[in-house]
Amino acid sequence: MEKIIMKPHAVIDYNPLVGELYGILRFNTNEEDWEFLPDIYTNRADAQSKVDELNQEVGNVTITFP
């Protein structure tokens, strides 16, 4: 098994072929799965700023891959 320790929020590019649309993924430790947050950003820097803000409020998560 492989374990990765990381912050629980990350920026995702929804569709690079259409244009700049970004969202935020959050790792749900209860369900051990990723979930999308409802906000959509048209600027990657804005999305990254929000991710940085959210990650400051929480600790790291450990994700285990079989």
C-alpha atoms as a PDB file:
ATOM      1  CA  MET A   1       0.000   0.000   0.000  1.00  0.00           C
ATOM      2  CA  GLU A   2       1.104   3.522  -0.734  1.00  0.00           C
ATOM      3  CA  LYS A   3       0.295   6.463   1.521  1.00  0.00           C
ATOM      4  CA  ILE A   4       0.311  10.111   0.503  1.00  0.00           C
ATOM      5  CA  ILE A   5       0.146  12.926   3.038  1.00  0.00           C
ATOM      6  CA  MET A   6      -1.249  16.147   1.617  1.00  0.00           C
ATOM      7  CA  LYS A   7      -3.577  19.053   2.230  1.00  0.00           C
ATOM      8  CA  PRO A   8      -7.252  18.169   1.635  1.00  0.00           C
ATOM      9  CA  HIS A   9      -8.083  20.881  -0.949  1.00  0.00           C
ATOM     10  CA  ALA A  10      -6.829  21.103  -4.549  1.00  0.00           C
ATOM     11  CA  VAL A  11      -7.594  23.092  -7.715  1.00  0.00           C
ATOM     12  CA  ILE A  12      -9.017  21.204 -10.673  1.00  0.00           C
ATOM     13  CA  ASP A  13      -9.217  22.380 -14.286  1.00  0.00           C
ATOM     14  CA  TYR A  14     -12.732  21.483 -15.481  1.00  0.00           C
ATOM     15  CA  ASN A  15     -12.110  21.548 -19.225  1.00  0.00           C
ATOM     16  CA  PRO A  16      -8.908  22.949 -20.722  1.00  0.00           C
ATOM     17  CA  LEU A  17     -10.331  22.629 -24.257  1.00  0.00           C
ATOM     18  CA  VAL A  18     -13.227  25.023 -23.607  1.00  0.00           C
ATOM     19  CA  GLY A  19     -11.484  27.706 -21.599  1.00  0.00           C
ATOM     20  CA  GLU A  20     -10.492  28.632 -18.115  1.00  0.00           C
ATOM     21  CA  LEU A  21     -12.912  27.065 -15.654  1.00  0.00           C
ATOM     22  CA  TYR A  22     -11.551  25.927 -12.316  1.00  0.00           C
ATOM     23  CA  GLY A  23     -13.049  24.282  -9.287  1.00  0.00           C
ATOM     24  CA  ILE A  24     -11.944  22.981  -5.920  1.00  0.00           C
ATOM     25  CA  LEU A  25     -11.761  19.368  -4.841  1.00  0.00           C
ATOM     26  CA  ARG A  26     -11.846  18.418  -1.166  1.00  0.00           C
ATOM     27  CA  PHE A  27     -10.848  15.037   0.211  1.00  0.00           C
ATOM     28  CA  ASN A  28     -13.636  13.765   2.469  1.00  0.00           C
ATOM     29  CA  THR A  29     -11.941  11.721   5.185  1.00  0.00           C
ATOM     30  CA  ASN A  30     -15.205  10.119   6.324  1.00  0.00           C
ATOM     31  CA  GLU A  31     -16.004   8.684   2.890  1.00  0.00           C
ATOM     32  CA  GLU A  32     -12.346   8.484   1.813  1.00  0.00           C
ATOM     33  CA  ASP A  33     -13.209  10.050  -1.521  1.00  0.00           C
ATOM     34  CA  TRP A  34     -12.937  13.382  -3.347  1.00  0.00           C
ATOM     35  CA  GLU A  35     -15.864  15.773  -3.613  1.00  0.00           C
ATOM     36  CA  PHE A  36     -16.372  18.943  -5.646  1.00  0.00           C
ATOM     37  CA  LEU A  37     -17.084  22.223  -3.885  1.00  0.00           C
ATOM     38  CA  PRO A  38     -19.846  24.237  -5.607  1.00  0.00           C
ATOM     39  CA  ASP A  39     -17.843  27.353  -6.539  1.00  0.00           C
ATOM     40  CA  ILE A  40     -16.509  27.794 -10.093  1.00  0.00           C
ATOM     41  CA  TYR A  41     -13.676  30.194 -10.918  1.00  0.00           C
ATOM     42  CA  THR A  42     -12.608  31.687 -14.259  1.00  0.00           C
ATOM     43  CA  ASN A  43      -9.137  32.487 -13.000  1.00  0.00           C
ATOM     44  CA  ARG A  44      -6.760  29.820 -11.692  1.00  0.00           C
ATOM     45  CA  ALA A  45      -5.087  32.300  -9.326  1.00  0.00           C
ATOM     46  CA  ASP A  46      -8.436  33.028  -7.635  1.00  0.00           C
ATOM     47  CA  ALA A  47      -9.120  29.318  -7.236  1.00  0.00           C
ATOM     48  CA  GLN A  48      -5.618  28.747  -5.842  1.00  0.00           C
ATOM     49  CA  SER A  49      -6.058  31.619  -3.376  1.00  0.00           C
ATOM     50  CA  LYS A  50      -9.256  30.025  -2.074  1.00  0.00           C
ATOM     51  CA  VAL A  51      -7.522  26.625  -1.796  1.00  0.00           C
ATOM     52  CA  ASP A  52      -4.658  28.216   0.144  1.00  0.00           C
ATOM     53  CA  GLU A  53      -7.170  29.873   2.482  1.00  0.00           C
ATOM     54  CA  LEU A  54      -9.072  26.617   3.066  1.00  0.00           C
ATOM     55  CA  ASN A  55      -5.881  24.612   3.602  1.00  0.00           C
ATOM     56  CA  GLN A  56      -4.642  27.056   6.264  1.00  0.00           C
ATOM     57  CA  GLU A  57      -7.651  26.159   8.399  1.00  0.00           C
ATOM     58  CA  VAL A  58      -7.068  22.385   8.363  1.00  0.00           C
ATOM     59  CA  GLY A  59      -4.302  19.877   8.840  1.00  0.00           C
ATOM     60  CA  ASN A  60      -2.973  17.264   6.468  1.00  0.00           C
ATOM     61  CA  VAL A  61      -4.850  14.161   5.396  1.00  0.00           C
ATOM     62  CA  THR A  62      -3.394  10.739   4.692  1.00  0.00           C
ATOM     63  CA  ILE A  63      -4.660   8.995   1.581  1.00  0.00           C
ATOM     64  CA  THR A  64      -3.948   5.268   1.318  1.00  0.00           C
ATOM     65  CA  PHE A  65      -3.830   3.569  -2.075  1.00  0.00           C
ATOM     66  CA  PRO A  66      -4.197  -0.215  -2.189  1.00  0.00           C
END
